[in-house]
């Protein structure tokens, strides 16, 4: 029986060593055990405690969304000016819209200058919460697009406030500053003046003949 007894002693010795190694490497087990024995004390006197950290989404949950007040269009347009009718139509446009802005013709410009004007308008419009994009088309025209058609009225006011702009076309509607003639009239007038000036200007042959005399 001695061999069996010595074998059992060796097994117990190795088992104790194994437990000691585990205890040395995982000392946190004992700390967790001690921490588990502790209890957190919560006071019963909570009358003066105010919880002001309620989630905002929880506060809004269940509330009815604010529906904008319905603004019906007028039923009688007979006593309204054309500008007033156009304003009423623009207030009720929804979805993307696009249009064109004509620049003043009394200022000579290059393609690069027109592109710079379009970029400047895009930046200024964004600062005013107007989601519009502008792009130069030719030396006197800038095209614009806007996602929210209901903001057309604000866009019109913004463009007409720019010194380079002369006339705006949104759909079939034209807008100008009060007192300004249509863009086409100004264009034809300037073209006629240019043609007249070209005809009255002496040519090289006329100058040569005058020198011979």
N, C-alpha and C. Protein backbone atom coordinates (compact mmCIF):
# COMPACT_ATOMS: atom_id res chain seq x y z
N UNK A 1 0.82 -1.20 0.00
CA UNK A 1 0.00 0.00 0.00
C UNK A 1 0.86 1.25 0.00
N UNK A 2 2.12 1.20 0.27
CA UNK A 2 2.96 2.39 0.32
C UNK A 2 3.06 3.09 -1.03
N UNK A 3 3.23 2.32 -2.09
CA UNK A 3 3.31 3.03 -3.38
C UNK A 3 2.07 3.83 -3.66
N UNK A 4 0.92 3.31 -3.28
CA UNK A 4 -0.33 4.02 -3.54
C UNK A 4 -0.38 5.28 -2.71
N UNK A 5 0.04 5.22 -1.44
CA UNK A 5 0.01 6.38 -0.55
C UNK A 5 0.94 7.47 -1.06
N UNK A 6 2.15 7.10 -1.48
CA UNK A 6 3.08 8.11 -1.99
C UNK A 6 2.56 8.75 -3.26
N UNK A 7 1.90 7.97 -4.07
CA UNK A 7 1.33 8.53 -5.31
C UNK A 7 0.24 9.53 -4.99
N UNK A 8 -0.59 9.20 -4.01
CA UNK A 8 -1.65 10.14 -3.62
C UNK A 8 -1.07 11.43 -3.07
N UNK A 9 0.01 11.32 -2.30
CA UNK A 9 0.64 12.52 -1.76
C UNK A 9 1.19 13.41 -2.86
N UNK A 10 1.78 12.77 -3.86
CA UNK A 10 2.30 13.56 -4.99
C UNK A 10 1.18 14.27 -5.74
N UNK A 11 0.07 13.56 -5.91
CA UNK A 11 -1.06 14.17 -6.62
C UNK A 11 -1.58 15.37 -5.85
N UNK A 12 -1.71 15.23 -4.50
CA UNK A 12 -2.20 16.34 -3.70
C UNK A 12 -1.23 17.52 -3.74
N UNK A 13 0.08 17.18 -3.73
CA UNK A 13 1.08 18.26 -3.78
C UNK A 13 1.00 19.04 -5.07
N UNK A 14 0.92 18.31 -6.20
CA UNK A 14 0.80 18.98 -7.50
C UNK A 14 -0.49 19.78 -7.61
N UNK A 15 -1.56 19.26 -7.03
CA UNK A 15 -2.84 19.96 -7.09
C UNK A 15 -2.78 21.28 -6.31
N UNK A 16 -2.12 21.23 -5.11
CA UNK A 16 -1.97 22.46 -4.32
C UNK A 16 -1.11 23.48 -5.04
N UNK A 17 -0.03 23.00 -5.68
CA UNK A 17 0.82 23.92 -6.45
C UNK A 17 0.05 24.55 -7.61
N UNK A 18 -0.79 23.75 -8.24
CA UNK A 18 -1.60 24.24 -9.36
C UNK A 18 -2.57 25.32 -8.90
N UNK A 19 -3.19 25.11 -7.73
CA UNK A 19 -4.10 26.12 -7.19
C UNK A 19 -3.36 27.40 -6.83
N UNK A 20 -2.14 27.25 -6.28
CA UNK A 20 -1.36 28.44 -5.93
C UNK A 20 -0.98 29.23 -7.17
N UNK A 21 -0.65 28.54 -8.26
CA UNK A 21 -0.32 29.24 -9.51
C UNK A 21 -1.52 30.00 -10.05
N UNK A 22 -2.68 29.38 -9.99
CA UNK A 22 -3.90 30.05 -10.45
C UNK A 22 -4.18 31.28 -9.61
N UNK A 23 -4.01 31.13 -8.30
CA UNK A 23 -4.27 32.26 -7.40
C UNK A 23 -3.30 33.40 -7.65
N UNK A 24 -2.04 33.07 -7.96
CA UNK A 24 -1.04 34.11 -8.21
C UNK A 24 -1.32 34.85 -9.51
N UNK A 25 -1.72 34.12 -10.53
CA UNK A 25 -1.97 34.74 -11.84
C UNK A 25 -3.32 35.42 -11.94
N UNK A 26 -4.24 35.05 -11.13
CA UNK A 26 -5.60 35.59 -11.20
C UNK A 26 -6.01 36.13 -9.84
N UNK A 27 -5.21 37.03 -9.34
CA UNK A 27 -5.52 37.60 -8.03
C UNK A 27 -6.79 38.41 -8.05
N UNK A 28 -7.22 38.84 -9.26
CA UNK A 28 -8.45 39.63 -9.35
C UNK A 28 -9.67 38.86 -8.94
N UNK A 29 -9.59 37.52 -8.95
CA UNK A 29 -10.75 36.72 -8.56
C UNK A 29 -11.12 37.01 -7.12
N UNK A 30 -10.08 37.11 -6.27
CA UNK A 30 -10.35 37.37 -4.86
C UNK A 30 -10.89 38.78 -4.67
N UNK A 31 -10.33 39.74 -5.48
CA UNK A 31 -10.81 41.11 -5.35
C UNK A 31 -12.26 41.22 -5.78
N UNK A 32 -12.63 40.51 -6.87
CA UNK A 32 -14.02 40.52 -7.31
C UNK A 32 -14.93 39.89 -6.28
N UNK A 33 -14.40 38.83 -5.63
CA UNK A 33 -15.22 38.19 -4.60
C UNK A 33 -15.48 39.13 -3.45
N UNK A 34 -14.42 39.88 -3.05
CA UNK A 34 -14.60 40.82 -1.96
C UNK A 34 -15.53 41.95 -2.36
N UNK A 35 -15.38 42.39 -3.62
CA UNK A 35 -16.25 43.48 -4.08
C UNK A 35 -17.69 43.04 -4.15
N UNK A 36 -17.89 41.75 -4.49
CA UNK A 36 -19.26 41.26 -4.56
C UNK A 36 -19.94 41.23 -3.21
N UNK A 37 -19.12 41.15 -2.12
CA UNK A 37 -19.71 41.13 -0.79
C UNK A 37 -20.18 42.51 -0.34
N UNK A 38 -19.62 43.59 -1.00
CA UNK A 38 -20.01 44.93 -0.62
C UNK A 38 -21.39 45.26 -1.16
N UNK A 39 -22.06 46.13 -0.51
CA UNK A 39 -23.40 46.55 -0.92
C UNK A 39 -23.42 48.06 -1.12
N UNK A 40 -24.14 48.48 -2.15
CA UNK A 40 -24.29 49.91 -2.43
C UNK A 40 -25.51 50.40 -1.69
N UNK A 41 -25.32 51.44 -0.91
CA UNK A 41 -26.41 51.98 -0.10
C UNK A 41 -27.08 53.13 -0.85
N UNK A 42 -28.37 53.02 -1.07
CA UNK A 42 -29.16 54.06 -1.72
C UNK A 42 -30.07 54.67 -0.67
N UNK A 43 -29.97 55.98 -0.57
CA UNK A 43 -30.76 56.67 0.45
C UNK A 43 -32.24 56.63 0.10
N UNK A 44 -33.07 56.49 1.16
CA UNK A 44 -34.51 56.52 0.95
C UNK A 44 -35.06 57.93 0.82
N UNK A 45 -34.24 58.94 1.16
CA UNK A 45 -34.69 60.33 1.11
C UNK A 45 -34.38 60.90 -0.27
N UNK A 46 -35.29 60.75 -1.21
CA UNK A 46 -35.11 61.20 -2.59
C UNK A 46 -36.07 62.32 -2.95
N UNK A 47 -36.66 62.97 -1.95
CA UNK A 47 -37.64 64.02 -2.24
C UNK A 47 -37.01 65.23 -2.90
N UNK A 48 -35.75 65.53 -2.54
CA UNK A 48 -35.10 66.73 -3.06
C UNK A 48 -34.29 66.46 -4.33
N UNK A 49 -34.33 65.24 -4.83
CA UNK A 49 -33.55 64.89 -6.02
C UNK A 49 -34.38 65.20 -7.25
N UNK A 50 -33.80 65.97 -8.18
CA UNK A 50 -34.48 66.35 -9.42
C UNK A 50 -33.70 65.78 -10.59
N UNK A 51 -34.36 65.00 -11.42
CA UNK A 51 -33.73 64.41 -12.61
C UNK A 51 -34.06 65.29 -13.81
N UNK A 52 -33.10 66.14 -14.19
CA UNK A 52 -33.32 67.03 -15.33
C UNK A 52 -32.53 66.59 -16.55
N UNK A 53 -32.14 65.34 -16.60
CA UNK A 53 -31.37 64.84 -17.72
C UNK A 53 -32.20 63.90 -18.59
N UNK A 54 -33.48 64.16 -18.68
CA UNK A 54 -34.36 63.32 -19.49
C UNK A 54 -34.02 63.48 -20.96
N UNK A 55 -34.03 62.41 -21.67
CA UNK A 55 -33.69 62.42 -23.08
C UNK A 55 -34.68 63.28 -23.85
N UNK A 56 -34.14 64.15 -24.74
CA UNK A 56 -35.01 65.03 -25.52
C UNK A 56 -35.91 64.24 -26.46
N UNK A 57 -35.37 63.15 -27.02
CA UNK A 57 -36.20 62.34 -27.91
C UNK A 57 -37.37 61.71 -27.17
N UNK A 58 -37.16 61.39 -25.88
CA UNK A 58 -38.25 60.83 -25.07
C UNK A 58 -39.32 61.89 -24.83
N UNK A 59 -38.88 63.15 -24.62
CA UNK A 59 -39.85 64.22 -24.42
C UNK A 59 -40.71 64.44 -25.66
N UNK A 60 -40.07 64.33 -26.84
CA UNK A 60 -40.80 64.59 -28.08
C UNK A 60 -41.65 63.41 -28.52
N UNK A 61 -41.35 62.23 -27.98
CA UNK A 61 -42.07 61.04 -28.40
C UNK A 61 -43.54 61.15 -28.01
N UNK A 62 -44.40 60.83 -28.94
CA UNK A 62 -45.83 60.84 -28.67
C UNK A 62 -46.49 62.17 -28.95
N UNK A 63 -45.69 63.24 -29.12
CA UNK A 63 -46.29 64.54 -29.42
C UNK A 63 -46.70 64.60 -30.89
N UNK A 64 -47.73 65.34 -31.17
CA UNK A 64 -48.17 65.53 -32.54
C UNK A 64 -47.26 66.53 -33.23
N UNK A 65 -46.85 66.19 -34.46
CA UNK A 65 -45.98 67.10 -35.21
C UNK A 65 -46.75 68.35 -35.60
N UNK A 66 -46.02 69.47 -35.60
CA UNK A 66 -46.64 70.74 -35.96
C UNK A 66 -46.87 70.80 -37.46
N UNK A 67 -48.11 70.86 -37.86
CA UNK A 67 -48.46 70.93 -39.27
C UNK A 67 -48.55 72.40 -39.66
N UNK A 68 -47.81 72.82 -40.72
CA UNK A 68 -47.88 74.22 -41.11
C UNK A 68 -49.29 74.62 -41.51
N UNK A 69 -49.61 75.84 -41.16
CA UNK A 69 -50.95 76.34 -41.44
C UNK A 69 -51.18 76.43 -42.94
N UNK A 70 -52.31 75.93 -43.39
CA UNK A 70 -52.62 75.91 -44.81
C UNK A 70 -52.95 77.32 -45.29
N UNK A 71 -52.26 77.71 -46.34
CA UNK A 71 -52.46 79.04 -46.92
C UNK A 71 -53.10 78.86 -48.29
N UNK A 72 -54.41 78.89 -48.39
CA UNK A 72 -55.06 78.64 -49.68
C UNK A 72 -54.79 79.76 -50.66
N UNK A 73 -54.71 79.45 -51.95
CA UNK A 73 -54.50 80.50 -52.95
C UNK A 73 -55.74 81.36 -53.07
N UNK A 74 -55.58 82.62 -53.47
CA UNK A 74 -56.75 83.48 -53.65
C UNK A 74 -57.65 82.97 -54.77
N UNK A 75 -58.93 83.16 -54.61
CA UNK A 75 -59.90 82.69 -55.61
C UNK A 75 -60.18 83.74 -56.68
N UNK A 76 -59.83 84.99 -56.42
CA UNK A 76 -60.10 86.07 -57.37
C UNK A 76 -58.80 86.79 -57.69
N UNK A 77 -58.36 86.68 -58.95
CA UNK A 77 -57.14 87.34 -59.38
C UNK A 77 -57.42 88.62 -60.16
N UNK A 78 -58.67 88.99 -60.29
CA UNK A 78 -59.01 90.13 -61.14
C UNK A 78 -58.48 91.45 -60.58
N UNK A 79 -58.39 91.56 -59.27
CA UNK A 79 -57.95 92.82 -58.66
C UNK A 79 -56.47 92.80 -58.27
N UNK A 80 -55.72 91.80 -58.76
CA UNK A 80 -54.32 91.66 -58.39
C UNK A 80 -53.42 92.10 -59.54
N UNK A 81 -52.28 92.68 -59.17
CA UNK A 81 -51.28 93.04 -60.17
C UNK A 81 -50.56 91.78 -60.66
N UNK A 82 -49.90 91.90 -61.82
CA UNK A 82 -49.19 90.75 -62.37
C UNK A 82 -48.10 90.27 -61.42
N UNK A 83 -47.39 91.19 -60.80
CA UNK A 83 -46.33 90.80 -59.87
C UNK A 83 -46.89 90.04 -58.67
N UNK A 84 -48.09 90.43 -58.21
CA UNK A 84 -48.72 89.74 -57.08
C UNK A 84 -49.14 88.32 -57.47
N UNK A 85 -49.64 88.17 -58.69
CA UNK A 85 -50.03 86.84 -59.18
C UNK A 85 -48.80 85.94 -59.28
N UNK A 86 -47.70 86.48 -59.81
CA UNK A 86 -46.47 85.71 -59.92
C UNK A 86 -45.95 85.29 -58.55
N UNK A 87 -46.06 86.18 -57.59
CA UNK A 87 -45.61 85.85 -56.23
C UNK A 87 -46.43 84.71 -55.65
N UNK A 88 -47.74 84.74 -55.85
CA UNK A 88 -48.60 83.66 -55.35
C UNK A 88 -48.25 82.33 -56.01
N UNK A 89 -47.93 82.37 -57.29
CA UNK A 89 -47.57 81.13 -57.99
C UNK A 89 -46.24 80.58 -57.49
N UNK A 90 -45.28 81.46 -57.23
CA UNK A 90 -43.97 81.00 -56.77
C UNK A 90 -44.03 80.43 -55.36
N UNK A 91 -44.93 80.94 -54.53
CA UNK A 91 -45.06 80.43 -53.16
C UNK A 91 -45.53 78.99 -53.14
N UNK A 92 -46.16 78.54 -54.21
CA UNK A 92 -46.75 77.20 -54.24
C UNK A 92 -46.04 76.26 -55.20
N UNK A 93 -44.81 76.56 -55.52
CA UNK A 93 -44.01 75.66 -56.33
C UNK A 93 -43.29 74.67 -55.44
N UNK A 94 -43.34 73.40 -55.82
CA UNK A 94 -42.68 72.36 -55.06
C UNK A 94 -41.83 71.52 -56.01
N UNK A 95 -40.80 70.91 -55.47
CA UNK A 95 -39.91 70.12 -56.29
C UNK A 95 -38.82 70.98 -56.91
N UNK A 96 -37.89 70.35 -57.62
CA UNK A 96 -36.78 71.09 -58.22
C UNK A 96 -37.25 72.08 -59.28
N UNK A 97 -36.58 73.20 -59.36
CA UNK A 97 -36.84 74.20 -60.40
C UNK A 97 -35.50 74.67 -60.96
N UNK A 98 -35.54 75.21 -62.17
CA UNK A 98 -34.35 75.80 -62.75
C UNK A 98 -34.75 77.02 -63.56
N UNK A 99 -33.78 77.85 -63.82
CA UNK A 99 -34.06 79.07 -64.56
C UNK A 99 -32.77 79.73 -65.02
N UNK A 100 -32.91 80.96 -65.51
CA UNK A 100 -31.77 81.68 -66.06
C UNK A 100 -31.77 83.12 -65.53
N UNK A 101 -30.58 83.63 -65.32
CA UNK A 101 -30.40 85.02 -64.91
C UNK A 101 -29.59 85.73 -65.99
N UNK A 102 -30.15 86.82 -66.49
CA UNK A 102 -29.45 87.63 -67.48
C UNK A 102 -28.63 88.70 -66.77
N UNK A 103 -27.40 88.86 -67.22
CA UNK A 103 -26.51 89.85 -66.62
C UNK A 103 -26.63 91.19 -67.35
N UNK A 104 -26.22 92.23 -66.68
CA UNK A 104 -26.27 93.56 -67.27
C UNK A 104 -25.36 93.61 -68.50
N UNK A 105 -25.85 94.29 -69.55
CA UNK A 105 -25.12 94.32 -70.81
C UNK A 105 -24.14 95.48 -70.92
N UNK A 106 -24.19 96.41 -69.99
CA UNK A 106 -23.32 97.58 -70.10
C UNK A 106 -21.93 97.33 -69.52
N UNK A 107 -21.65 96.07 -69.12
CA UNK A 107 -20.35 95.72 -68.57
C UNK A 107 -19.75 94.59 -69.40
N UNK A 108 -18.62 94.80 -70.07
CA UNK A 108 -17.99 93.71 -70.83
C UNK A 108 -17.42 92.65 -69.90
N UNK A 109 -17.62 91.37 -70.27
CA UNK A 109 -17.16 90.27 -69.42
C UNK A 109 -16.54 89.17 -70.29
N UNK A 110 -15.69 88.39 -69.66
CA UNK A 110 -15.15 87.19 -70.30
C UNK A 110 -15.82 85.96 -69.69
N UNK A 111 -15.54 84.79 -70.26
CA UNK A 111 -16.11 83.55 -69.72
C UNK A 111 -15.64 83.31 -68.29
N UNK A 112 -14.40 83.62 -68.02
CA UNK A 112 -13.88 83.43 -66.66
C UNK A 112 -14.58 84.34 -65.66
N UNK A 113 -14.87 85.56 -66.07
CA UNK A 113 -15.57 86.49 -65.18
C UNK A 113 -16.98 85.97 -64.87
N UNK A 114 -17.67 85.46 -65.90
CA UNK A 114 -19.02 84.92 -65.69
C UNK A 114 -18.97 83.71 -64.74
N UNK A 115 -17.96 82.86 -64.90
CA UNK A 115 -17.81 81.70 -64.00
C UNK A 115 -17.56 82.15 -62.57
N UNK A 116 -16.77 83.20 -62.40
CA UNK A 116 -16.51 83.72 -61.05
C UNK A 116 -17.78 84.28 -60.42
N UNK A 117 -18.62 84.95 -61.23
CA UNK A 117 -19.89 85.46 -60.71
C UNK A 117 -20.79 84.32 -60.26
N UNK A 118 -20.85 83.24 -61.06
CA UNK A 118 -21.67 82.08 -60.70
C UNK A 118 -21.19 81.44 -59.40
N UNK A 119 -19.88 81.31 -59.25
CA UNK A 119 -19.34 80.73 -58.01
C UNK A 119 -19.63 81.63 -56.81
N UNK A 120 -19.51 82.93 -57.00
CA UNK A 120 -19.78 83.85 -55.90
C UNK A 120 -21.24 83.78 -55.48
N UNK A 121 -22.15 83.72 -56.44
CA UNK A 121 -23.58 83.62 -56.11
C UNK A 121 -23.87 82.33 -55.36
N UNK A 122 -23.25 81.23 -55.77
CA UNK A 122 -23.48 79.95 -55.09
C UNK A 122 -23.05 80.02 -53.63
N UNK A 123 -21.90 80.63 -53.36
CA UNK A 123 -21.41 80.72 -51.98
C UNK A 123 -22.30 81.63 -51.14
N UNK A 124 -22.69 82.78 -51.70
CA UNK A 124 -23.52 83.71 -50.94
C UNK A 124 -24.89 83.10 -50.66
N UNK A 125 -25.45 82.38 -51.64
CA UNK A 125 -26.77 81.77 -51.46
C UNK A 125 -26.74 80.74 -50.33
N UNK A 126 -25.65 79.97 -50.24
CA UNK A 126 -25.55 78.97 -49.18
C UNK A 126 -25.52 79.61 -47.80
N UNK A 127 -24.85 80.75 -47.68
CA UNK A 127 -24.83 81.43 -46.39
C UNK A 127 -26.21 81.94 -46.00
N UNK A 128 -27.08 82.15 -46.97
CA UNK A 128 -28.45 82.58 -46.70
C UNK A 128 -29.44 81.45 -46.67
N UNK A 129 -28.94 80.20 -46.56
CA UNK A 129 -29.80 79.00 -46.48
C UNK A 129 -30.63 78.81 -47.73
N UNK A 130 -30.12 79.25 -48.89
CA UNK A 130 -30.79 79.01 -50.17
C UNK A 130 -29.99 77.95 -50.90
N UNK A 131 -30.59 76.79 -51.11
CA UNK A 131 -29.90 75.67 -51.74
C UNK A 131 -30.03 75.80 -53.26
N UNK A 132 -29.17 76.61 -53.85
CA UNK A 132 -29.19 76.84 -55.29
C UNK A 132 -27.77 76.73 -55.83
N UNK A 133 -27.67 76.27 -57.08
CA UNK A 133 -26.39 76.17 -57.77
C UNK A 133 -26.46 77.01 -59.04
N UNK A 134 -25.36 77.72 -59.33
CA UNK A 134 -25.29 78.61 -60.48
C UNK A 134 -24.16 78.16 -61.40
N UNK A 135 -24.38 78.32 -62.71
CA UNK A 135 -23.39 77.92 -63.70
C UNK A 135 -23.46 78.86 -64.89
N UNK A 136 -22.31 79.35 -65.34
CA UNK A 136 -22.27 80.24 -66.48
C UNK A 136 -22.62 79.53 -67.78
N UNK A 137 -23.44 80.17 -68.61
CA UNK A 137 -23.85 79.60 -69.90
C UNK A 137 -23.16 80.33 -71.04
N UNK A 138 -23.26 81.65 -71.07
CA UNK A 138 -22.56 82.48 -72.05
C UNK A 138 -22.14 83.78 -71.37
N UNK A 139 -21.74 84.76 -72.17
CA UNK A 139 -21.20 85.99 -71.60
C UNK A 139 -22.24 86.84 -70.89
N UNK A 140 -23.53 86.53 -71.07
CA UNK A 140 -24.57 87.33 -70.43
C UNK A 140 -25.63 86.50 -69.72
N UNK A 141 -25.39 85.18 -69.56
CA UNK A 141 -26.42 84.31 -68.98
C UNK A 141 -25.81 83.36 -67.95
N UNK A 142 -26.49 83.22 -66.83
CA UNK A 142 -26.14 82.25 -65.79
C UNK A 142 -27.36 81.37 -65.52
N UNK A 143 -27.17 80.06 -65.57
CA UNK A 143 -28.25 79.12 -65.28
C UNK A 143 -28.19 78.73 -63.80
N UNK A 144 -29.36 78.53 -63.20
CA UNK A 144 -29.40 78.12 -61.79
C UNK A 144 -30.40 76.98 -61.62
N UNK A 145 -30.13 76.13 -60.64
CA UNK A 145 -31.02 75.03 -60.26
C UNK A 145 -31.24 75.09 -58.76
N UNK A 146 -32.43 74.64 -58.33
CA UNK A 146 -32.76 74.67 -56.91
C UNK A 146 -33.64 73.46 -56.60
N UNK A 147 -33.32 72.76 -55.51
CA UNK A 147 -34.05 71.55 -55.15
C UNK A 147 -35.44 71.87 -54.59
N UNK A 148 -35.55 72.91 -53.80
CA UNK A 148 -36.81 73.24 -53.15
C UNK A 148 -37.49 74.40 -53.88
N UNK A 149 -38.52 74.06 -54.64
CA UNK A 149 -39.20 75.10 -55.41
C UNK A 149 -39.91 76.12 -54.56
N UNK A 150 -40.26 75.75 -53.32
CA UNK A 150 -40.97 76.71 -52.46
C UNK A 150 -40.09 77.87 -52.04
N UNK A 151 -38.77 77.77 -52.29
CA UNK A 151 -37.86 78.87 -51.96
C UNK A 151 -37.59 79.76 -53.16
N UNK A 152 -38.41 79.65 -54.21
CA UNK A 152 -38.18 80.43 -55.42
C UNK A 152 -38.27 81.92 -55.16
N UNK A 153 -39.18 82.32 -54.28
CA UNK A 153 -39.34 83.74 -54.00
C UNK A 153 -38.07 84.31 -53.36
N UNK A 154 -37.49 83.58 -52.41
CA UNK A 154 -36.25 84.04 -51.78
C UNK A 154 -35.11 84.08 -52.80
N UNK A 155 -35.09 83.09 -53.71
CA UNK A 155 -34.05 83.07 -54.73
C UNK A 155 -34.17 84.27 -55.66
N UNK A 156 -35.39 84.60 -56.03
CA UNK A 156 -35.60 85.76 -56.91
C UNK A 156 -35.10 87.04 -56.24
N UNK A 157 -35.45 87.23 -54.98
CA UNK A 157 -35.01 88.42 -54.26
C UNK A 157 -33.48 88.46 -54.14
N UNK A 158 -32.89 87.29 -53.94
CA UNK A 158 -31.43 87.24 -53.80
C UNK A 158 -30.74 87.64 -55.10
N UNK A 159 -31.19 87.08 -56.23
CA UNK A 159 -30.53 87.38 -57.50
C UNK A 159 -30.69 88.84 -57.86
N UNK A 160 -31.88 89.39 -57.68
CA UNK A 160 -32.10 90.80 -58.03
C UNK A 160 -31.33 91.75 -57.12
N UNK A 161 -30.86 91.25 -55.98
CA UNK A 161 -30.05 92.09 -55.10
C UNK A 161 -28.59 92.14 -55.53
N UNK A 162 -28.21 91.30 -56.51
CA UNK A 162 -26.84 91.28 -56.99
C UNK A 162 -26.65 92.32 -58.08
N UNK A 163 -25.60 93.13 -58.02
CA UNK A 163 -25.44 94.22 -58.99
C UNK A 163 -25.24 93.76 -60.42
N UNK A 164 -24.72 92.55 -60.63
CA UNK A 164 -24.49 92.06 -62.00
C UNK A 164 -25.75 91.53 -62.66
N UNK A 165 -26.78 91.23 -61.89
CA UNK A 165 -28.01 90.64 -62.44
C UNK A 165 -28.91 91.72 -63.02
N UNK A 166 -29.62 91.36 -64.11
CA UNK A 166 -30.57 92.30 -64.72
C UNK A 166 -31.98 91.71 -64.76
N UNK A 167 -32.09 90.45 -65.18
CA UNK A 167 -33.42 89.85 -65.36
C UNK A 167 -33.35 88.37 -65.00
N UNK A 168 -34.44 87.85 -64.47
CA UNK A 168 -34.52 86.44 -64.07
C UNK A 168 -35.70 85.79 -64.78
N UNK A 169 -35.49 84.55 -65.21
CA UNK A 169 -36.57 83.77 -65.81
C UNK A 169 -36.68 82.44 -65.08
N UNK A 170 -37.83 82.22 -64.43
CA UNK A 170 -38.14 80.95 -63.76
C UNK A 170 -39.39 80.39 -64.42
N UNK A 171 -39.21 79.31 -65.15
CA UNK A 171 -40.33 78.79 -65.94
C UNK A 171 -40.68 79.77 -67.05
N UNK A 172 -41.94 80.21 -67.08
CA UNK A 172 -42.38 81.21 -68.06
C UNK A 172 -42.44 82.61 -67.47
N UNK A 173 -41.97 82.78 -66.27
CA UNK A 173 -42.10 84.07 -65.58
C UNK A 173 -40.78 84.84 -65.63
N UNK A 174 -40.89 86.12 -65.94
CA UNK A 174 -39.74 87.02 -65.99
C UNK A 174 -39.82 88.01 -64.84
N UNK A 175 -38.68 88.31 -64.24
CA UNK A 175 -38.63 89.25 -63.12
C UNK A 175 -37.48 90.22 -63.35
N UNK A 176 -37.78 91.50 -63.10
CA UNK A 176 -36.77 92.56 -63.21
C UNK A 176 -36.98 93.54 -62.07
N UNK A 177 -36.04 94.45 -61.93
CA UNK A 177 -36.22 95.53 -60.97
C UNK A 177 -37.28 96.49 -61.48
N UNK A 178 -38.00 97.13 -60.59
CA UNK A 178 -39.04 98.07 -61.03
C UNK A 178 -38.46 99.18 -61.91
N UNK A 179 -39.12 99.40 -63.05
CA UNK A 179 -38.69 100.46 -63.97
C UNK A 179 -37.73 100.02 -65.05
N UNK A 180 -37.14 98.84 -64.94
CA UNK A 180 -36.19 98.37 -65.96
C UNK A 180 -36.95 97.80 -67.15
N UNK A 181 -36.55 98.15 -68.38
CA UNK A 181 -37.18 97.56 -69.57
C UNK A 181 -36.76 96.11 -69.73
N UNK A 182 -37.48 95.33 -70.55
CA UNK A 182 -37.09 93.94 -70.76
C UNK A 182 -35.68 93.81 -71.31
N UNK A 183 -35.07 92.69 -71.01
CA UNK A 183 -33.69 92.45 -71.44
C UNK A 183 -33.56 92.50 -72.95
N UNK A 184 -34.54 91.95 -73.67
CA UNK A 184 -34.48 91.93 -75.13
C UNK A 184 -34.47 93.34 -75.70
N UNK A 185 -35.23 94.25 -75.09
CA UNK A 185 -35.24 95.63 -75.58
C UNK A 185 -33.87 96.28 -75.40
N UNK A 186 -33.27 96.05 -74.26
CA UNK A 186 -31.94 96.61 -74.01
C UNK A 186 -30.93 96.01 -74.98
N UNK A 187 -31.04 94.71 -75.23
CA UNK A 187 -30.12 94.05 -76.16
C UNK A 187 -30.25 94.61 -77.56
N UNK A 188 -31.49 94.76 -78.05
CA UNK A 188 -31.71 95.29 -79.39
C UNK A 188 -31.24 96.74 -79.50
N UNK A 189 -31.45 97.52 -78.46
CA UNK A 189 -31.01 98.91 -78.48
C UNK A 189 -29.49 99.01 -78.58
N UNK A 190 -28.79 98.21 -77.78
CA UNK A 190 -27.33 98.23 -77.83
C UNK A 190 -26.80 97.71 -79.16
N UNK A 191 -27.47 96.71 -79.72
CA UNK A 191 -27.03 96.16 -81.01
C UNK A 191 -27.22 97.19 -82.12
N UNK A 192 -28.35 97.90 -82.09
CA UNK A 192 -28.60 98.93 -83.10
C UNK A 192 -27.58 100.06 -83.00
N UNK A 193 -27.26 100.45 -81.77
CA UNK A 193 -26.26 101.50 -81.60
C UNK A 193 -24.89 101.06 -82.10
N UNK A 194 -24.57 99.78 -81.91
CA UNK A 194 -23.28 99.27 -82.38
C UNK A 194 -23.23 99.25 -83.90
N UNK A 195 -24.33 98.81 -84.52
CA UNK A 195 -24.37 98.77 -85.99
C UNK A 195 -24.26 100.18 -86.56
N UNK A 196 -24.97 101.11 -85.95
CA UNK A 196 -24.92 102.50 -86.42
C UNK A 196 -23.52 103.07 -86.27
N UNK A 197 -22.86 102.76 -85.16
CA UNK A 197 -21.50 103.25 -84.95
C UNK A 197 -20.53 102.64 -85.95
N UNK A 198 -20.74 101.35 -86.30
CA UNK A 198 -19.86 100.71 -87.28
C UNK A 198 -20.02 101.33 -88.66
N UNK A 199 -21.26 101.72 -89.03
CA UNK A 199 -21.49 102.31 -90.35
C UNK A 199 -20.95 103.73 -90.44
N UNK A 200 -21.00 104.47 -89.36
CA UNK A 200 -20.53 105.86 -89.38
C UNK A 200 -19.03 105.96 -89.19
N UNK A 201 -18.37 104.89 -88.75
CA UNK A 201 -16.94 104.91 -88.54
C UNK A 201 -16.22 104.84 -89.88
N UNK A 202 -15.28 105.71 -90.15
CA UNK A 202 -14.57 105.68 -91.44
C UNK A 202 -13.71 104.43 -91.58
N UNK A 203 -13.76 103.84 -92.78
CA UNK A 203 -12.97 102.65 -93.06
C UNK A 203 -11.56 103.04 -93.48
N UNK A 204 -10.69 102.04 -93.64
CA UNK A 204 -9.31 102.31 -94.06
C UNK A 204 -9.27 102.86 -95.47
N UNK A 205 -10.19 102.38 -96.38
CA UNK A 205 -10.20 102.89 -97.75
C UNK A 205 -10.60 104.35 -97.78
N UNK A 206 -11.62 104.71 -96.95
CA UNK A 206 -12.04 106.11 -96.92
C UNK A 206 -10.90 107.00 -96.42
N UNK A 207 -10.18 106.54 -95.43
CA UNK A 207 -9.07 107.32 -94.88
C UNK A 207 -7.96 107.47 -95.91
N UNK A 208 -7.70 106.39 -96.69
CA UNK A 208 -6.64 106.43 -97.71
C UNK A 208 -7.00 107.40 -98.83
N UNK A 209 -8.28 107.38 -99.26
CA UNK A 209 -8.71 108.29 -100.31
C UNK A 209 -8.63 109.74 -99.85
N UNK A 210 -8.98 110.00 -98.57
CA UNK A 210 -8.92 111.36 -98.05
C UNK A 210 -7.47 111.84 -98.00
N UNK A 211 -6.54 110.94 -97.70
CA UNK A 211 -5.13 111.33 -97.65
C UNK A 211 -4.61 111.66 -99.04
N UNK A 212 -5.11 110.95 -100.08
CA UNK A 212 -4.66 111.22 -101.44
C UNK A 212 -5.13 112.58 -101.92
N UNK A 213 -6.33 112.99 -101.48
CA UNK A 213 -6.84 114.29 -101.88
C UNK A 213 -6.08 115.40 -101.17
